[in-house]
Amino acid sequence: MRASPSRVRHLSILASVLLAGAAACVGGSLTSTTNQASPAAAPDAFSCVRDQLKAIDFSQTASDAERLWVTAARFDESQRRPDTQFRRMVDRLEIEVAPSTGEAISTIRVQASTFAELTTQRGPTEIQEKASERARNAAQTILQKCSQPVDSLSVPG
């Protein structure tokens, strides 16, 4: 039995729509990346970033002073999931400060990401999820605080 041409056309259209829908679901980025210009010199902006990590309760996990690069994490043990392997949520920030040209003296780039940490037979395993609102807000806070002009008149003394 042979399918009619109109039925074949309908099936091919349906298949195209389903593939396009699946591609749209998979294509989203899990990491939130933001850049912002800063009027501060790169070393000063980097120092500000490191200070802000403490203020927003993130723990520094790695740093490279020459590259002006730092990573930080914040653990959320309050979330629960119906998975016996689930342990906690982990928000991570990766921040890099680079010298810039023009009006901006430096540029701050922040990548915010979130992971579900599981305890498996192989040990701790992280599965990346869409960046949480808390991680995105932390990134915005750092950019706002460290992209302000330095007021040279407010130096105590």
N, C-alpha and C. Protein backbone atom coordinates (compact mmCIF):
# COMPACT_ATOMS: atom_id res chain seq x y z
N MET A 1 0.84 -1.17 0.00
CA MET A 1 0.00 0.00 0.00
C MET A 1 0.89 1.24 0.00
N ARG A 2 0.59 2.15 -0.87
CA ARG A 2 1.39 3.34 -1.06
C ARG A 2 0.70 4.56 -0.46
N ALA A 3 1.48 5.45 0.20
CA ALA A 3 0.92 6.66 0.80
C ALA A 3 0.66 7.69 -0.28
N SER A 4 -0.39 8.45 -0.11
CA SER A 4 -0.73 9.48 -1.09
C SER A 4 0.29 10.62 -0.99
N PRO A 5 0.48 11.37 -2.09
CA PRO A 5 1.43 12.48 -2.07
C PRO A 5 1.11 13.52 -1.00
N SER A 6 -0.17 13.80 -0.77
CA SER A 6 -0.52 14.79 0.25
C SER A 6 -0.17 14.28 1.66
N ARG A 7 -0.33 12.97 1.89
CA ARG A 7 0.01 12.40 3.20
C ARG A 7 1.53 12.46 3.42
N VAL A 8 2.31 12.16 2.39
CA VAL A 8 3.76 12.22 2.49
C VAL A 8 4.20 13.66 2.78
N ARG A 9 3.56 14.63 2.11
CA ARG A 9 3.89 16.03 2.33
C ARG A 9 3.57 16.43 3.77
N HIS A 10 2.42 16.01 4.30
CA HIS A 10 2.04 16.33 5.68
C HIS A 10 3.02 15.71 6.67
N LEU A 11 3.43 14.47 6.41
CA LEU A 11 4.38 13.81 7.31
C LEU A 11 5.74 14.50 7.27
N SER A 12 6.17 14.94 6.10
CA SER A 12 7.46 15.62 6.02
C SER A 12 7.40 16.98 6.71
N ILE A 13 6.28 17.68 6.61
CA ILE A 13 6.12 18.95 7.32
C ILE A 13 6.13 18.72 8.82
N LEU A 14 5.42 17.69 9.28
CA LEU A 14 5.38 17.37 10.70
C LEU A 14 6.78 17.02 11.21
N ALA A 15 7.53 16.26 10.44
CA ALA A 15 8.89 15.89 10.84
C ALA A 15 9.78 17.13 10.92
N SER A 16 9.63 18.05 9.99
CA SER A 16 10.43 19.28 10.00
C SER A 16 10.11 20.13 11.23
N VAL A 17 8.83 20.22 11.56
CA VAL A 17 8.43 21.01 12.73
C VAL A 17 8.98 20.37 14.00
N LEU A 18 8.92 19.06 14.12
CA LEU A 18 9.43 18.38 15.30
C LEU A 18 10.94 18.55 15.43
N LEU A 19 11.67 18.44 14.32
CA LEU A 19 13.12 18.63 14.36
C LEU A 19 13.49 20.06 14.72
N ALA A 20 12.76 21.03 14.19
CA ALA A 20 13.02 22.43 14.51
C ALA A 20 12.76 22.69 16.00
N GLY A 21 11.70 22.12 16.54
CA GLY A 21 11.39 22.28 17.96
C GLY A 21 12.45 21.66 18.84
N ALA A 22 12.93 20.48 18.46
CA ALA A 22 13.99 19.83 19.24
C ALA A 22 15.27 20.64 19.18
N ALA A 23 15.60 21.19 18.03
CA ALA A 23 16.81 22.01 17.89
C ALA A 23 16.71 23.27 18.74
N ALA A 24 15.52 23.86 18.82
CA ALA A 24 15.34 25.06 19.64
C ALA A 24 15.53 24.76 21.11
N CYS A 25 15.10 23.61 21.56
CA CYS A 25 15.26 23.24 22.97
C CYS A 25 16.72 22.99 23.32
N VAL A 26 17.47 22.40 22.43
CA VAL A 26 18.85 22.04 22.69
C VAL A 26 19.77 23.24 22.51
N GLY A 27 19.40 24.21 21.68
CA GLY A 27 20.29 25.28 21.29
C GLY A 27 20.55 26.35 22.34
N GLY A 28 19.81 26.39 23.43
CA GLY A 28 19.99 27.44 24.43
C GLY A 28 21.30 27.31 25.18
N SER A 29 21.86 28.45 25.57
CA SER A 29 23.11 28.46 26.31
C SER A 29 22.84 28.29 27.79
N LEU A 30 23.65 27.49 28.45
CA LEU A 30 23.49 27.27 29.88
C LEU A 30 24.25 28.31 30.70
N THR A 31 25.31 28.86 30.13
CA THR A 31 26.14 29.85 30.82
C THR A 31 25.71 31.25 30.42
N SER A 32 25.65 32.13 31.39
CA SER A 32 25.32 33.54 31.14
C SER A 32 26.62 34.33 31.12
N THR A 33 26.91 34.99 30.01
CA THR A 33 28.14 35.77 29.87
C THR A 33 27.79 37.23 29.67
N THR A 34 28.43 38.10 30.47
CA THR A 34 28.22 39.53 30.34
C THR A 34 29.57 40.24 30.38
N ASN A 35 29.66 41.33 29.62
CA ASN A 35 30.85 42.16 29.56
C ASN A 35 30.47 43.58 29.92
N GLN A 36 31.40 44.29 30.55
CA GLN A 36 31.14 45.69 30.84
C GLN A 36 32.46 46.44 30.88
N ALA A 37 32.43 47.65 30.34
CA ALA A 37 33.61 48.51 30.36
C ALA A 37 33.76 49.11 31.75
N SER A 38 35.00 49.35 32.13
CA SER A 38 35.28 49.95 33.43
C SER A 38 36.25 51.12 33.25
N PRO A 39 35.99 52.22 33.95
CA PRO A 39 36.92 53.35 33.87
C PRO A 39 38.16 53.18 34.75
N ALA A 40 38.20 52.09 35.51
CA ALA A 40 39.36 51.81 36.38
C ALA A 40 40.42 51.05 35.60
N ALA A 41 41.67 51.21 36.01
CA ALA A 41 42.76 50.43 35.40
C ALA A 41 42.52 48.95 35.69
N ALA A 42 43.00 48.10 34.80
CA ALA A 42 42.75 46.66 34.91
C ALA A 42 43.14 46.08 36.28
N PRO A 43 44.33 46.40 36.84
CA PRO A 43 44.67 45.85 38.16
C PRO A 43 43.71 46.32 39.26
N ASP A 44 43.26 47.58 39.18
CA ASP A 44 42.31 48.10 40.16
C ASP A 44 40.95 47.42 40.03
N ALA A 45 40.51 47.23 38.80
CA ALA A 45 39.23 46.55 38.57
C ALA A 45 39.31 45.11 39.06
N PHE A 46 40.45 44.45 38.85
CA PHE A 46 40.63 43.08 39.32
C PHE A 46 40.59 43.02 40.84
N SER A 47 41.20 43.97 41.50
CA SER A 47 41.17 44.04 42.96
C SER A 47 39.74 44.23 43.45
N CYS A 48 38.99 45.07 42.77
CA CYS A 48 37.58 45.29 43.12
C CYS A 48 36.78 43.99 42.97
N VAL A 49 37.02 43.28 41.88
CA VAL A 49 36.31 42.01 41.64
C VAL A 49 36.57 41.04 42.79
N ARG A 50 37.82 40.90 43.18
CA ARG A 50 38.15 39.97 44.27
C ARG A 50 37.50 40.39 45.58
N ASP A 51 37.44 41.69 45.85
CA ASP A 51 36.78 42.17 47.06
C ASP A 51 35.27 41.91 47.01
N GLN A 52 34.67 42.09 45.84
CA GLN A 52 33.22 41.90 45.70
C GLN A 52 32.82 40.44 45.88
N LEU A 53 33.70 39.51 45.52
CA LEU A 53 33.40 38.08 45.71
C LEU A 53 33.10 37.79 47.18
N LYS A 54 33.89 38.38 48.05
CA LYS A 54 33.66 38.20 49.49
C LYS A 54 32.34 38.83 49.91
N ALA A 55 32.04 40.00 49.38
CA ALA A 55 30.83 40.72 49.75
C ALA A 55 29.55 39.98 49.35
N ILE A 56 29.60 39.20 48.26
CA ILE A 56 28.41 38.47 47.81
C ILE A 56 28.46 37.00 48.21
N ASP A 57 29.34 36.66 49.14
CA ASP A 57 29.44 35.31 49.72
C ASP A 57 29.85 34.22 48.73
N PHE A 58 30.72 34.56 47.78
CA PHE A 58 31.31 33.55 46.91
C PHE A 58 32.72 33.28 47.41
N SER A 59 33.15 32.05 47.36
CA SER A 59 34.50 31.67 47.77
C SER A 59 35.38 31.56 46.53
N GLN A 60 36.52 32.21 46.56
CA GLN A 60 37.46 32.13 45.44
C GLN A 60 38.00 30.71 45.34
N THR A 61 37.97 30.14 44.14
CA THR A 61 38.46 28.77 43.94
C THR A 61 39.76 28.72 43.16
N ALA A 62 40.03 29.73 42.32
CA ALA A 62 41.27 29.80 41.56
C ALA A 62 41.52 31.25 41.16
N SER A 63 42.79 31.58 40.97
CA SER A 63 43.13 32.94 40.60
C SER A 63 44.45 32.97 39.86
N ASP A 64 44.57 33.89 38.91
CA ASP A 64 45.82 34.12 38.20
C ASP A 64 46.00 35.63 38.10
N ALA A 65 46.87 36.18 38.94
CA ALA A 65 47.07 37.63 39.01
C ALA A 65 47.67 38.19 37.73
N GLU A 66 48.47 37.40 37.02
CA GLU A 66 49.06 37.88 35.76
C GLU A 66 48.01 38.00 34.66
N ARG A 67 47.13 37.03 34.60
CA ARG A 67 46.06 37.04 33.60
C ARG A 67 44.86 37.87 34.03
N LEU A 68 44.83 38.30 35.29
CA LEU A 68 43.69 39.02 35.87
C LEU A 68 42.42 38.19 35.71
N TRP A 69 42.49 36.96 36.19
CA TRP A 69 41.44 35.97 36.04
C TRP A 69 41.17 35.33 37.40
N VAL A 70 39.90 35.12 37.72
CA VAL A 70 39.54 34.50 39.00
C VAL A 70 38.25 33.69 38.82
N THR A 71 38.16 32.58 39.56
CA THR A 71 36.93 31.81 39.59
C THR A 71 36.46 31.73 41.04
N ALA A 72 35.15 31.59 41.21
CA ALA A 72 34.58 31.52 42.55
C ALA A 72 33.35 30.62 42.52
N ALA A 73 32.99 30.10 43.69
CA ALA A 73 31.83 29.20 43.80
C ALA A 73 31.03 29.55 45.04
N ARG A 74 29.75 29.22 44.97
CA ARG A 74 28.85 29.37 46.11
C ARG A 74 27.94 28.15 46.13
N PHE A 75 27.86 27.49 47.28
CA PHE A 75 27.09 26.25 47.41
C PHE A 75 25.73 26.54 48.02
N ASP A 76 24.71 25.85 47.48
CA ASP A 76 23.35 25.98 48.00
C ASP A 76 22.89 24.60 48.45
N GLU A 77 22.94 24.37 49.74
CA GLU A 77 22.56 23.07 50.31
C GLU A 77 21.07 23.03 50.64
N SER A 78 20.36 24.13 50.46
CA SER A 78 18.94 24.18 50.84
C SER A 78 18.02 23.53 49.81
N GLN A 79 18.45 23.41 48.57
CA GLN A 79 17.59 22.83 47.54
C GLN A 79 17.51 21.32 47.68
N ARG A 80 16.36 20.79 47.37
CA ARG A 80 16.12 19.34 47.44
C ARG A 80 15.59 18.85 46.10
N ARG A 81 15.94 17.62 45.77
CA ARG A 81 15.44 16.98 44.54
C ARG A 81 15.10 15.53 44.86
N PRO A 82 14.18 14.95 44.11
CA PRO A 82 13.79 13.55 44.37
C PRO A 82 14.78 12.55 43.75
N ASP A 83 16.04 12.83 43.89
CA ASP A 83 17.10 11.98 43.36
C ASP A 83 18.04 11.66 44.52
N THR A 84 18.23 10.40 44.82
CA THR A 84 19.07 10.04 45.97
C THR A 84 20.53 10.42 45.76
N GLN A 85 20.94 10.65 44.52
CA GLN A 85 22.33 11.04 44.25
C GLN A 85 22.54 12.55 44.35
N PHE A 86 21.47 13.33 44.35
CA PHE A 86 21.59 14.79 44.41
C PHE A 86 22.17 15.23 45.75
N ARG A 87 23.16 16.12 45.69
CA ARG A 87 23.79 16.60 46.91
C ARG A 87 23.48 18.07 47.16
N ARG A 88 23.79 18.94 46.17
CA ARG A 88 23.58 20.37 46.32
C ARG A 88 23.71 21.06 44.98
N MET A 89 23.37 22.36 44.97
CA MET A 89 23.54 23.19 43.77
C MET A 89 24.81 24.02 43.96
N VAL A 90 25.51 24.24 42.86
CA VAL A 90 26.75 25.02 42.89
C VAL A 90 26.66 26.13 41.85
N ASP A 91 26.78 27.37 42.30
CA ASP A 91 26.87 28.51 41.39
C ASP A 91 28.34 28.84 41.22
N ARG A 92 28.76 29.05 39.97
CA ARG A 92 30.17 29.35 39.69
C ARG A 92 30.25 30.64 38.87
N LEU A 93 31.28 31.42 39.17
CA LEU A 93 31.59 32.63 38.41
C LEU A 93 33.01 32.52 37.89
N GLU A 94 33.21 32.88 36.64
CA GLU A 94 34.54 33.00 36.06
C GLU A 94 34.67 34.43 35.56
N ILE A 95 35.66 35.15 36.09
CA ILE A 95 35.78 36.58 35.81
C ILE A 95 37.17 36.87 35.26
N GLU A 96 37.19 37.66 34.20
CA GLU A 96 38.46 38.06 33.60
C GLU A 96 38.42 39.56 33.35
N VAL A 97 39.49 40.24 33.72
CA VAL A 97 39.62 41.67 33.49
C VAL A 97 40.71 41.86 32.45
N ALA A 98 40.42 42.66 31.42
CA ALA A 98 41.39 42.88 30.35
C ALA A 98 41.55 44.37 30.11
N PRO A 99 42.78 44.81 29.83
CA PRO A 99 42.98 46.21 29.45
C PRO A 99 42.20 46.50 28.18
N SER A 100 41.74 47.73 28.05
CA SER A 100 40.93 48.10 26.90
C SER A 100 41.46 49.38 26.29
N THR A 101 40.88 49.78 25.19
CA THR A 101 41.28 51.02 24.53
C THR A 101 40.08 51.95 24.46
N GLY A 102 40.33 53.20 24.18
CA GLY A 102 39.24 54.16 24.05
C GLY A 102 38.83 54.71 25.40
N GLU A 103 37.53 54.99 25.56
CA GLU A 103 37.00 55.58 26.79
C GLU A 103 37.18 54.64 27.98
N ALA A 104 36.97 53.36 27.74
CA ALA A 104 37.09 52.38 28.82
C ALA A 104 38.55 52.01 29.00
N ILE A 105 39.00 52.01 30.24
CA ILE A 105 40.38 51.65 30.51
C ILE A 105 40.52 50.14 30.58
N SER A 106 39.47 49.47 31.03
CA SER A 106 39.49 48.01 31.10
C SER A 106 38.09 47.45 30.82
N THR A 107 38.04 46.15 30.58
CA THR A 107 36.78 45.45 30.34
C THR A 107 36.70 44.27 31.30
N ILE A 108 35.53 44.12 31.92
CA ILE A 108 35.30 43.00 32.83
C ILE A 108 34.33 42.04 32.16
N ARG A 109 34.73 40.76 32.09
CA ARG A 109 33.87 39.72 31.52
C ARG A 109 33.55 38.72 32.63
N VAL A 110 32.25 38.47 32.83
CA VAL A 110 31.81 37.54 33.87
C VAL A 110 30.97 36.44 33.23
N GLN A 111 31.33 35.19 33.50
CA GLN A 111 30.54 34.04 33.08
C GLN A 111 29.92 33.43 34.33
N ALA A 112 28.59 33.35 34.37
CA ALA A 112 27.88 32.75 35.50
C ALA A 112 27.31 31.41 35.04
N SER A 113 27.49 30.39 35.87
CA SER A 113 26.95 29.07 35.54
C SER A 113 26.49 28.38 36.82
N THR A 114 25.63 27.38 36.65
CA THR A 114 25.07 26.64 37.77
C THR A 114 25.16 25.15 37.48
N PHE A 115 25.50 24.38 38.51
CA PHE A 115 25.64 22.93 38.38
C PHE A 115 24.86 22.24 39.49
N ALA A 116 24.30 21.09 39.15
CA ALA A 116 23.73 20.21 40.17
C ALA A 116 24.84 19.22 40.52
N GLU A 117 25.21 19.15 41.78
CA GLU A 117 26.26 18.23 42.20
C GLU A 117 25.61 16.93 42.69
N LEU A 118 26.07 15.83 42.13
CA LEU A 118 25.57 14.51 42.49
C LEU A 118 26.69 13.71 43.13
N THR A 119 26.31 12.78 43.99
CA THR A 119 27.28 11.86 44.57
C THR A 119 27.05 10.51 43.89
N THR A 120 28.02 10.08 43.09
CA THR A 120 27.87 8.82 42.35
C THR A 120 28.95 7.84 42.82
N GLN A 121 28.92 6.65 42.26
CA GLN A 121 29.93 5.65 42.62
C GLN A 121 31.33 6.11 42.23
N ARG A 122 31.43 6.96 41.22
CA ARG A 122 32.74 7.48 40.80
C ARG A 122 33.18 8.66 41.65
N GLY A 123 32.29 9.17 42.47
CA GLY A 123 32.59 10.35 43.28
C GLY A 123 31.70 11.50 42.87
N PRO A 124 32.02 12.71 43.33
CA PRO A 124 31.19 13.87 43.00
C PRO A 124 31.14 14.10 41.49
N THR A 125 29.94 14.34 40.98
CA THR A 125 29.74 14.59 39.56
C THR A 125 28.87 15.82 39.42
N GLU A 126 29.23 16.73 38.52
CA GLU A 126 28.45 17.94 38.31
C GLU A 126 27.77 17.89 36.94
N ILE A 127 26.50 18.28 36.93
CA ILE A 127 25.73 18.37 35.69
C ILE A 127 25.33 19.82 35.53
N GLN A 128 25.75 20.43 34.43
CA GLN A 128 25.45 21.85 34.23
C GLN A 128 23.99 22.05 33.91
N GLU A 129 23.43 23.10 34.50
CA GLU A 129 22.06 23.52 34.26
C GLU A 129 22.08 24.97 33.82
N LYS A 130 20.93 25.51 33.49
CA LYS A 130 20.85 26.92 33.13
C LYS A 130 21.29 27.75 34.32
N ALA A 131 22.05 28.82 34.06
CA ALA A 131 22.55 29.68 35.14
C ALA A 131 21.39 30.16 36.00
N SER A 132 21.52 30.00 37.31
CA SER A 132 20.46 30.39 38.23
C SER A 132 20.35 31.91 38.30
N GLU A 133 19.22 32.36 38.78
CA GLU A 133 19.01 33.80 38.95
C GLU A 133 20.01 34.35 39.96
N ARG A 134 20.32 33.57 40.98
CA ARG A 134 21.28 34.01 41.99
C ARG A 134 22.67 34.21 41.38
N ALA A 135 23.09 33.31 40.49
CA ALA A 135 24.39 33.44 39.83
C ALA A 135 24.40 34.63 38.89
N ARG A 136 23.32 34.83 38.14
CA ARG A 136 23.24 35.97 37.22
C ARG A 136 23.23 37.30 37.99
N ASN A 137 22.51 37.32 39.12
CA ASN A 137 22.49 38.54 39.94
C ASN A 137 23.86 38.84 40.53
N ALA A 138 24.58 37.81 40.95
CA ALA A 138 25.93 38.00 41.48
C ALA A 138 26.84 38.60 40.41
N ALA A 139 26.73 38.11 39.18
CA ALA A 139 27.53 38.65 38.08
C ALA A 139 27.20 40.12 37.84
N GLN A 140 25.91 40.46 37.86
CA GLN A 140 25.50 41.86 37.66
C GLN A 140 26.00 42.76 38.79
N THR A 141 25.96 42.25 40.02
CA THR A 141 26.44 43.03 41.16
C THR A 141 27.92 43.35 41.01
N ILE A 142 28.71 42.37 40.63
CA ILE A 142 30.14 42.60 40.44
C ILE A 142 30.38 43.63 39.34
N LEU A 143 29.67 43.49 38.23
CA LEU A 143 29.84 44.45 37.13
C LEU A 143 29.45 45.86 37.56
N GLN A 144 28.35 46.00 38.29
CA GLN A 144 27.91 47.33 38.73
C GLN A 144 28.91 47.96 39.69
N LYS A 145 29.37 47.19 40.67
CA LYS A 145 30.27 47.74 41.69
C LYS A 145 31.65 48.06 41.13
N CYS A 146 32.13 47.26 40.19
CA CYS A 146 33.50 47.42 39.70
C CYS A 146 33.60 48.22 38.40
N SER A 147 32.48 48.75 37.94
CA SER A 147 32.48 49.57 36.72
C SER A 147 32.21 51.03 37.03
N GLN A 148 32.36 51.40 38.29
CA GLN A 148 32.16 52.78 38.72
C GLN A 148 33.47 53.54 38.60
N PRO A 149 33.41 54.82 38.27
CA PRO A 149 34.64 55.61 38.24
C PRO A 149 35.23 55.74 39.64
N VAL A 150 36.54 55.77 39.70
CA VAL A 150 37.23 55.93 40.97
C VAL A 150 37.27 57.41 41.31
N ASP A 151 36.80 57.75 42.51
CA ASP A 151 36.77 59.13 42.96
C ASP A 151 38.05 59.44 43.72
N SER A 152 38.95 60.17 43.11
CA SER A 152 40.25 60.44 43.73
C SER A 152 40.14 61.45 44.87
N LEU A 153 39.02 62.16 44.98
CA LEU A 153 38.86 63.13 46.05
C LEU A 153 38.39 62.51 47.36
N SER A 154 37.94 61.24 47.30
CA SER A 154 37.41 60.61 48.51
C SER A 154 38.46 59.81 49.26
N VAL A 155 39.73 60.01 48.95
CA VAL A 155 40.80 59.29 49.64
C VAL A 155 40.95 59.88 51.04
N PRO A 156 40.87 59.03 52.07
CA PRO A 156 41.01 59.56 53.43
C PRO A 156 42.42 60.09 53.68
N GLY A 157 42.51 61.10 54.51
CA GLY A 157 43.85 61.54 54.84
C GLY A 157 43.88 62.91 55.24
